[in-house]
PDB file of N, CA and C in Angstrom:
ATOM      1  N   UNK A   1     -39.506   3.377  90.388  1.00  0.00           N
ATOM      2  CA  UNK A   1     -38.116   3.408  89.921  1.00  0.00           C
ATOM      3  C   UNK A   1     -37.328   4.505  90.573  1.00  0.00           C
ATOM      4  N   UNK A   2     -36.081   4.431  90.768  1.00  0.00           N
ATOM      5  CA  UNK A   2     -35.329   5.421  91.427  1.00  0.00           C
ATOM      6  C   UNK A   2     -34.978   6.559  90.393  1.00  0.00           C
ATOM      7  N   UNK A   3     -35.210   7.805  90.749  1.00  0.00           N
ATOM      8  CA  UNK A   3     -35.066   8.948  89.843  1.00  0.00           C
ATOM      9  C   UNK A   3     -33.755   9.735  90.186  1.00  0.00           C
ATOM     10  N   UNK A   4     -33.195   9.518  91.362  1.00  0.00           N
ATOM     11  CA  UNK A   4     -32.004  10.310  91.683  1.00  0.00           C
ATOM     12  C   UNK A   4     -32.280  11.612  92.287  1.00  0.00           C
ATOM     13  N   UNK A   5     -31.283  12.294  92.753  1.00  0.00           N
ATOM     14  CA  UNK A   5     -31.469  13.623  93.473  1.00  0.00           C
ATOM     15  C   UNK A   5     -31.736  14.621  92.376  1.00  0.00           C
ATOM     16  N   UNK A   6     -32.675  15.556  92.773  1.00  0.00           N
ATOM     17  CA  UNK A   6     -33.068  16.656  91.925  1.00  0.00           C
ATOM     18  C   UNK A   6     -32.702  18.030  92.616  1.00  0.00           C
ATOM     19  N   UNK A   7     -31.745  18.005  93.630  1.00  0.00           N
ATOM     20  CA  UNK A   7     -31.455  19.142  94.364  1.00  0.00           C
ATOM     21  C   UNK A   7     -30.734  20.270  93.499  1.00  0.00           C
ATOM     22  N   UNK A   8     -30.222  19.910  92.415  1.00  0.00           N
ATOM     23  CA  UNK A   8     -29.510  20.910  91.620  1.00  0.00           C
ATOM     24  C   UNK A   8     -30.406  21.766  90.767  1.00  0.00           C
ATOM     25  N   UNK A   9     -31.652  21.369  90.775  1.00  0.00           N
ATOM     26  CA  UNK A   9     -32.608  22.286  89.998  1.00  0.00           C
ATOM     27  C   UNK A   9     -33.045  23.362  90.965  1.00  0.00           C
ATOM     28  N   UNK A  10     -32.845  24.594  90.515  1.00  0.00           N
ATOM     29  CA  UNK A  10     -33.212  25.724  91.382  1.00  0.00           C
ATOM     30  C   UNK A  10     -34.477  26.303  90.892  1.00  0.00           C
ATOM     31  N   UNK A  11     -35.246  27.008  91.750  1.00  0.00           N
ATOM     32  CA  UNK A  11     -36.506  27.586  91.321  1.00  0.00           C
ATOM     33  C   UNK A  11     -36.282  28.610  90.189  1.00  0.00           C
ATOM     34  N   UNK A  12     -35.269  29.461  90.378  1.00  0.00           N
ATOM     35  CA  UNK A  12     -35.051  30.589  89.406  1.00  0.00           C
ATOM     36  C   UNK A  12     -33.537  30.702  89.146  1.00  0.00           C
ATOM     37  N   UNK A  13     -33.161  30.704  87.740  1.00  0.00           N
ATOM     38  CA  UNK A  13     -31.911  30.714  87.324  1.00  0.00           C
ATOM     39  C   UNK A  13     -31.771  31.760  86.180  1.00  0.00           C
ATOM     40  N   UNK A  14     -30.653  32.390  85.995  1.00  0.00           N
ATOM     41  CA  UNK A  14     -30.495  33.294  84.782  1.00  0.00           C
ATOM     42  C   UNK A  14     -29.181  32.917  84.114  1.00  0.00           C
ATOM     43  N   UNK A  15     -29.085  33.085  82.845  1.00  0.00           N
ATOM     44  CA  UNK A  15     -27.831  32.897  82.131  1.00  0.00           C
ATOM     45  C   UNK A  15     -27.059  34.168  82.070  1.00  0.00           C
ATOM     46  N   UNK A  16     -25.911  34.263  82.646  1.00  0.00           N
ATOM     47  CA  UNK A  16     -25.027  35.476  82.555  1.00  0.00           C
ATOM     48  C   UNK A  16     -24.773  35.931  81.245  1.00  0.00           C
ATOM     49  N   UNK A  17     -25.012  37.205  80.970  1.00  0.00           N
ATOM     50  CA  UNK A  17     -24.794  37.836  79.683  1.00  0.00           C
ATOM     51  C   UNK A  17     -23.317  37.851  79.371  1.00  0.00           C
ATOM     52  N   UNK A  18     -22.474  37.773  80.320  1.00  0.00           N
ATOM     53  CA  UNK A  18     -21.021  37.867  80.021  1.00  0.00           C
ATOM     54  C   UNK A  18     -20.406  36.587  79.767  1.00  0.00           C
ATOM     55  N   UNK A  19     -20.538  35.568  80.701  1.00  0.00           N
ATOM     56  CA  UNK A  19     -19.847  34.298  80.474  1.00  0.00           C
ATOM     57  C   UNK A  19     -20.807  33.082  80.065  1.00  0.00           C
ATOM     58  N   UNK A  20     -22.082  33.499  80.045  1.00  0.00           N
ATOM     59  CA  UNK A  20     -23.109  32.439  79.660  1.00  0.00           C
ATOM     60  C   UNK A  20     -23.266  31.280  80.574  1.00  0.00           C
ATOM     61  N   UNK A  21     -22.863  31.427  81.835  1.00  0.00           N
ATOM     62  CA  UNK A  21     -22.998  30.409  82.896  1.00  0.00           C
ATOM     63  C   UNK A  21     -24.429  30.621  83.526  1.00  0.00           C
ATOM     64  N   UNK A  22     -25.021  29.489  83.916  1.00  0.00           N
ATOM     65  CA  UNK A  22     -26.277  29.630  84.670  1.00  0.00           C
ATOM     66  C   UNK A  22     -25.967  29.939  86.057  1.00  0.00           C
ATOM     67  N   UNK A  23     -26.557  31.005  86.566  1.00  0.00           N
ATOM     68  CA  UNK A  23     -26.271  31.493  87.943  1.00  0.00           C
ATOM     69  C   UNK A  23     -27.575  31.654  88.683  1.00  0.00           C
ATOM     70  N   UNK A  24     -27.656  31.458  90.024  1.00  0.00           N
ATOM     71  CA  UNK A  24     -28.931  31.582  90.736  1.00  0.00           C
ATOM     72  C   UNK A  24     -29.402  33.106  90.692  1.00  0.00           C
ATOM     73  N   UNK A  25     -30.736  33.228  90.393  1.00  0.00           N
ATOM     74  CA  UNK A  25     -31.266  34.524  90.336  1.00  0.00           C
ATOM     75  C   UNK A  25     -31.604  34.952  91.797  1.00  0.00           C
ATOM     76  N   UNK A  26     -31.248  36.269  92.086  1.00  0.00           N
ATOM     77  CA  UNK A  26     -31.431  36.730  93.478  1.00  0.00           C
ATOM     78  C   UNK A  26     -32.884  37.052  93.817  1.00  0.00           C
ATOM     79  N   UNK A  27     -33.847  36.135  93.546  1.00  0.00           N
ATOM     80  CA  UNK A  27     -35.197  36.407  93.766  1.00  0.00           C
ATOM     81  C   UNK A  27     -35.946  35.140  94.454  1.00  0.00           C
ATOM     82  N   UNK A  28     -37.066  35.293  95.021  1.00  0.00           N
ATOM     83  CA  UNK A  28     -37.758  34.192  95.538  1.00  0.00           C
ATOM     84  C   UNK A  28     -39.086  33.921  94.867  1.00  0.00           C
ATOM     85  N   UNK A  29     -39.605  34.966  94.172  1.00  0.00           N
ATOM     86  CA  UNK A  29     -40.790  34.891  93.336  1.00  0.00           C
ATOM     87  C   UNK A  29     -40.507  35.576  91.972  1.00  0.00           C
ATOM     88  N   UNK A  30     -41.321  35.332  90.991  1.00  0.00           N
ATOM     89  CA  UNK A  30     -41.086  35.859  89.646  1.00  0.00           C
ATOM     90  C   UNK A  30     -41.362  37.417  89.776  1.00  0.00           C
ATOM     91  N   UNK A  31     -40.472  38.199  89.334  1.00  0.00           N
ATOM     92  CA  UNK A  31     -40.617  39.644  89.455  1.00  0.00           C
ATOM     93  C   UNK A  31     -41.492  40.238  88.235  1.00  0.00           C
ATOM     94  N   UNK A  32     -41.998  41.422  88.434  1.00  0.00           N
ATOM     95  CA  UNK A  32     -42.782  42.047  87.365  1.00  0.00           C
ATOM     96  C   UNK A  32     -41.863  42.930  86.550  1.00  0.00           C
ATOM     97  N   UNK A  33     -40.713  43.320  86.982  1.00  0.00           N
ATOM     98  CA  UNK A  33     -39.832  44.208  86.266  1.00  0.00           C
ATOM     99  C   UNK A  33     -38.373  43.615  86.340  1.00  0.00           C
ATOM    100  N   UNK A  34     -37.436  44.291  85.691  1.00  0.00           N
ATOM    101  CA  UNK A  34     -36.026  43.788  85.542  1.00  0.00           C
ATOM    102  C   UNK A  34     -35.368  43.691  86.969  1.00  0.00           C
ATOM    103  N   UNK A  35     -34.440  42.781  87.095  1.00  0.00           N
ATOM    104  CA  UNK A  35     -33.589  42.629  88.350  1.00  0.00           C
ATOM    105  C   UNK A  35     -32.156  42.892  88.034  1.00  0.00           C
ATOM    106  N   UNK A  36     -31.344  43.062  88.989  1.00  0.00           N
ATOM    107  CA  UNK A  36     -29.919  43.268  88.809  1.00  0.00           C
ATOM    108  C   UNK A  36     -29.290  42.031  89.503  1.00  0.00           C
ATOM    109  N   UNK A  37     -28.345  41.330  88.807  1.00  0.00           N
ATOM    110  CA  UNK A  37     -27.623  40.152  89.370  1.00  0.00           C
ATOM    111  C   UNK A  37     -26.201  40.314  89.042  1.00  0.00           C
ATOM    112  N   UNK A  38     -25.267  39.839  90.031  1.00  0.00           N
ATOM    113  CA  UNK A  38     -23.899  39.873  89.781  1.00  0.00           C
ATOM    114  C   UNK A  38     -23.444  38.436  89.610  1.00  0.00           C
ATOM    115  N   UNK A  39     -22.660  38.126  88.636  1.00  0.00           N
ATOM    116  CA  UNK A  39     -22.205  36.889  88.300  1.00  0.00           C
ATOM    117  C   UNK A  39     -21.007  36.484  89.270  1.00  0.00           C
ATOM    118  N   UNK A  40     -21.126  35.354  89.935  1.00  0.00           N
ATOM    119  CA  UNK A  40     -19.982  34.939  90.793  1.00  0.00           C
ATOM    120  C   UNK A  40     -18.709  34.454  90.047  1.00  0.00           C
ATOM    121  N   UNK A  41     -18.926  34.127  88.684  1.00  0.00           N
ATOM    122  CA  UNK A  41     -17.856  33.680  87.895  1.00  0.00           C
ATOM    123  C   UNK A  41     -17.069  34.739  87.284  1.00  0.00           C
ATOM    124  N   UNK A  42     -17.728  35.608  86.500  1.00  0.00           N
ATOM    125  CA  UNK A  42     -16.986  36.664  85.755  1.00  0.00           C
ATOM    126  C   UNK A  42     -17.079  38.002  86.523  1.00  0.00           C
ATOM    127  N   UNK A  43     -17.928  38.170  87.505  1.00  0.00           N
ATOM    128  CA  UNK A  43     -18.091  39.455  88.251  1.00  0.00           C
ATOM    129  C   UNK A  43     -18.858  40.473  87.601  1.00  0.00           C
ATOM    130  N   UNK A  44     -19.561  40.182  86.414  1.00  0.00           N
ATOM    131  CA  UNK A  44     -20.355  41.225  85.736  1.00  0.00           C
ATOM    132  C   UNK A  44     -21.648  41.439  86.420  1.00  0.00           C
ATOM    133  N   UNK A  45     -22.026  42.705  86.562  1.00  0.00           N
ATOM    134  CA  UNK A  45     -23.276  43.026  87.189  1.00  0.00           C
ATOM    135  C   UNK A  45     -24.209  43.583  86.186  1.00  0.00           C
ATOM    136  N   UNK A  46     -25.277  42.951  85.869  1.00  0.00           N
ATOM    137  CA  UNK A  46     -26.129  43.329  84.745  1.00  0.00           C
ATOM    138  C   UNK A  46     -27.565  43.202  85.110  1.00  0.00           C
ATOM    139  N   UNK A  47     -28.461  43.758  84.174  1.00  0.00           N
ATOM    140  CA  UNK A  47     -29.866  43.688  84.434  1.00  0.00           C
ATOM    141  C   UNK A  47     -30.489  42.586  83.572  1.00  0.00           C
ATOM    142  N   UNK A  48     -31.569  41.987  84.136  1.00  0.00           N
ATOM    143  CA  UNK A  48     -32.203  40.877  83.447  1.00  0.00           C
ATOM    144  C   UNK A  48     -33.759  41.107  83.468  1.00  0.00           C
ATOM    145  N   UNK A  49     -34.361  40.852  82.325  1.00  0.00           N
ATOM    146  CA  UNK A  49     -35.800  40.974  82.273  1.00  0.00           C
ATOM    147  C   UNK A  49     -36.437  39.710  82.868  1.00  0.00           C
ATOM    148  N   UNK A  50     -37.681  39.700  83.206  1.00  0.00           N
ATOM    149  CA  UNK A  50     -38.397  38.553  83.620  1.00  0.00           C
ATOM    150  C   UNK A  50     -38.410  37.398  82.626  1.00  0.00           C
ATOM    151  N   UNK A  51     -38.360  37.702  81.341  1.00  0.00           N
ATOM    152  CA  UNK A  51     -38.331  36.714  80.224  1.00  0.00           C
ATOM    153  C   UNK A  51     -37.023  36.032  80.206  1.00  0.00           C
ATOM    154  N   UNK A  52     -35.958  36.511  80.846  1.00  0.00           N
ATOM    155  CA  UNK A  52     -34.601  35.932  80.867  1.00  0.00           C
ATOM    156  C   UNK A  52     -34.421  34.977  82.067  1.00  0.00           C
ATOM    157  N   UNK A  53     -35.417  34.939  83.033  1.00  0.00           N
ATOM    158  CA  UNK A  53     -35.385  34.098  84.243  1.00  0.00           C
ATOM    159  C   UNK A  53     -36.086  32.796  83.903  1.00  0.00           C
ATOM    160  N   UNK A  54     -35.455  31.663  84.299  1.00  0.00           N
ATOM    161  CA  UNK A  54     -36.125  30.356  84.036  1.00  0.00           C
ATOM    162  C   UNK A  54     -35.680  29.414  85.158  1.00  0.00           C
ATOM    163  N   UNK A  55     -36.413  28.262  85.148  1.00  0.00           N
ATOM    164  CA  UNK A  55     -36.098  27.167  86.075  1.00  0.00           C
ATOM    165  C   UNK A  55     -35.016  26.328  85.500  1.00  0.00           C
ATOM    166  N   UNK A  56     -33.978  26.002  86.210  1.00  0.00           N
ATOM    167  CA  UNK A  56     -32.974  25.204  85.564  1.00  0.00           C
ATOM    168  C   UNK A  56     -31.839  24.832  86.501  1.00  0.00           C
ATOM    169  N   UNK A  57     -30.818  24.419  86.026  1.00  0.00           N
ATOM    170  CA  UNK A  57     -29.581  24.013  86.843  1.00  0.00           C
ATOM    171  C   UNK A  57     -28.511  24.973  86.871  1.00  0.00           C
ATOM    172  N   UNK A  58     -27.838  25.088  88.030  1.00  0.00           N
ATOM    173  CA  UNK A  58     -26.747  26.009  88.110  1.00  0.00           C
ATOM    174  C   UNK A  58     -25.460  25.391  87.395  1.00  0.00           C
ATOM    175  N   UNK A  59     -24.681  26.228  86.749  1.00  0.00           N
ATOM    176  CA  UNK A  59     -23.539  25.679  86.102  1.00  0.00           C
ATOM    177  C   UNK A  59     -22.562  25.109  87.143  1.00  0.00           C
ATOM    178  N   UNK A  60     -21.780  24.222  86.660  1.00  0.00           N
ATOM    179  CA  UNK A  60     -20.718  23.556  87.437  1.00  0.00           C
ATOM    180  C   UNK A  60     -19.705  24.598  88.019  1.00  0.00           C
ATOM    181  N   UNK A  61     -19.335  25.590  87.170  1.00  0.00           N
ATOM    182  CA  UNK A  61     -18.364  26.612  87.576  1.00  0.00           C
ATOM    183  C   UNK A  61     -18.831  27.362  88.773  1.00  0.00           C
ATOM    184  N   UNK A  62     -20.138  27.641  88.806  1.00  0.00           N
ATOM    185  CA  UNK A  62     -20.740  28.381  89.906  1.00  0.00           C
ATOM    186  C   UNK A  62     -20.727  27.511  91.187  1.00  0.00           C
ATOM    187  N   UNK A  63     -21.047  26.262  91.126  1.00  0.00           N
ATOM    188  CA  UNK A  63     -21.158  25.418  92.229  1.00  0.00           C
ATOM    189  C   UNK A  63     -19.736  25.228  92.768  1.00  0.00           C
ATOM    190  N   UNK A  64     -18.669  25.202  91.961  1.00  0.00           N
ATOM    191  CA  UNK A  64     -17.301  25.009  92.441  1.00  0.00           C
ATOM    192  C   UNK A  64     -16.561  26.171  92.973  1.00  0.00           C
ATOM    193  N   UNK A  65     -17.237  27.394  93.074  1.00  0.00           N
ATOM    194  CA  UNK A  65     -16.662  28.610  93.534  1.00  0.00           C
ATOM    195  C   UNK A  65     -16.288  28.441  95.007  1.00  0.00           C
ATOM    196  N   UNK A  66     -15.126  29.034  95.441  1.00  0.00           N
ATOM    197  CA  UNK A  66     -14.786  28.980  96.850  1.00  0.00           C
ATOM    198  C   UNK A  66     -15.923  29.562  97.707  1.00  0.00           C
ATOM    199  N   UNK A  67     -16.355  28.861  98.805  1.00  0.00           N
ATOM    200  CA  UNK A  67     -17.373  29.391  99.687  1.00  0.00           C
ATOM    201  C   UNK A  67     -18.708  29.185  99.179  1.00  0.00           C
ATOM    202  N   UNK A  68     -18.899  28.327  98.129  1.00  0.00           N
ATOM    203  CA  UNK A  68     -20.284  28.089  97.677  1.00  0.00           C
ATOM    204  C   UNK A  68     -20.835  27.062  98.510  1.00  0.00           C
ATOM    205  N   UNK A  69     -22.109  27.148  98.950  1.00  0.00           N
ATOM    206  CA  UNK A  69     -22.763  26.223  99.719  1.00  0.00           C
ATOM    207  C   UNK A  69     -23.306  25.064  98.920  1.00  0.00           C
ATOM    208  N   UNK A  70     -23.294  23.841  99.523  1.00  0.00           N
ATOM    209  CA  UNK A  70     -23.979  22.729  98.727  1.00  0.00           C
ATOM    210  C   UNK A  70     -25.379  22.985  98.478  1.00  0.00           C
ATOM    211  N   UNK A  71     -25.919  22.641  97.333  1.00  0.00           N
ATOM    212  CA  UNK A  71     -27.282  22.931  96.991  1.00  0.00           C
ATOM    213  C   UNK A  71     -28.299  22.086  97.651  1.00  0.00           C
ATOM    214  N   UNK A  72     -27.934  20.852  98.084  1.00  0.00           N
ATOM    215  CA  UNK A  72     -29.032  20.052  98.622  1.00  0.00           C
ATOM    216  C   UNK A  72     -28.651  19.486 100.031  1.00  0.00           C
ATOM    217  N   UNK A  73     -27.401  19.377 100.371  1.00  0.00           N
ATOM    218  CA  UNK A  73     -27.001  18.871 101.610  1.00  0.00           C
ATOM    219  C   UNK A  73     -26.744  17.416 101.637  1.00  0.00           C
ATOM    220  N   UNK A  74     -26.918  16.683 100.481  1.00  0.00           N
ATOM    221  CA  UNK A  74     -26.579  15.289 100.469  1.00  0.00           C
ATOM    222  C   UNK A  74     -25.052  15.092 100.561  1.00  0.00           C
ATOM    223  N   UNK A  75     -24.596  14.150 101.205  1.00  0.00           N
ATOM    224  CA  UNK A  75     -23.135  14.014 101.341  1.00  0.00           C
ATOM    225  C   UNK A  75     -22.394  13.674 100.065  1.00  0.00           C
ATOM    226  N   UNK A  76     -23.026  13.143  99.029  1.00  0.00           N
ATOM    227  CA  UNK A  76     -22.324  12.827  97.860  1.00  0.00           C
ATOM    228  C   UNK A  76     -22.224  14.068  96.924  1.00  0.00           C
ATOM    229  N   UNK A  77     -22.818  15.244  97.302  1.00  0.00           N
ATOM    230  CA  UNK A  77     -22.683  16.413  96.494  1.00  0.00           C
ATOM    231  C   UNK A  77     -21.494  17.326  96.921  1.00  0.00           C
ATOM    232  N   UNK A  78     -20.950  17.000  98.070  1.00  0.00           N
ATOM    233  CA  UNK A  78     -19.917  17.948  98.558  1.00  0.00           C
ATOM    234  C   UNK A  78     -18.612  17.770  97.958  1.00  0.00           C
TER     235      UNK A  78
END
C-alpha cells in the first residue's frame, strides 16, 4: 500500500522555548551535553538538553521561511 512521502521527518528536532515551533536541531548525532540553537521564526538563541531533542516534523512556519530549502526535493513540496 502507498504510504506517501516521509521527507518531512527530520532525524533531530527541538521545540523552541520561545515560540514552541519545531525547528531543526543543529546536530548530526545525539549529543552528550546541551546544545545552542537559534530559532529561525522568533530569533531566540537558547540552550537545549539532550532530553529536549527528538525525532519529528519541522513546523510549517519554519519551512515557509524565506530562503528555506525544500526538505526532500520532491516537486510537490516546493
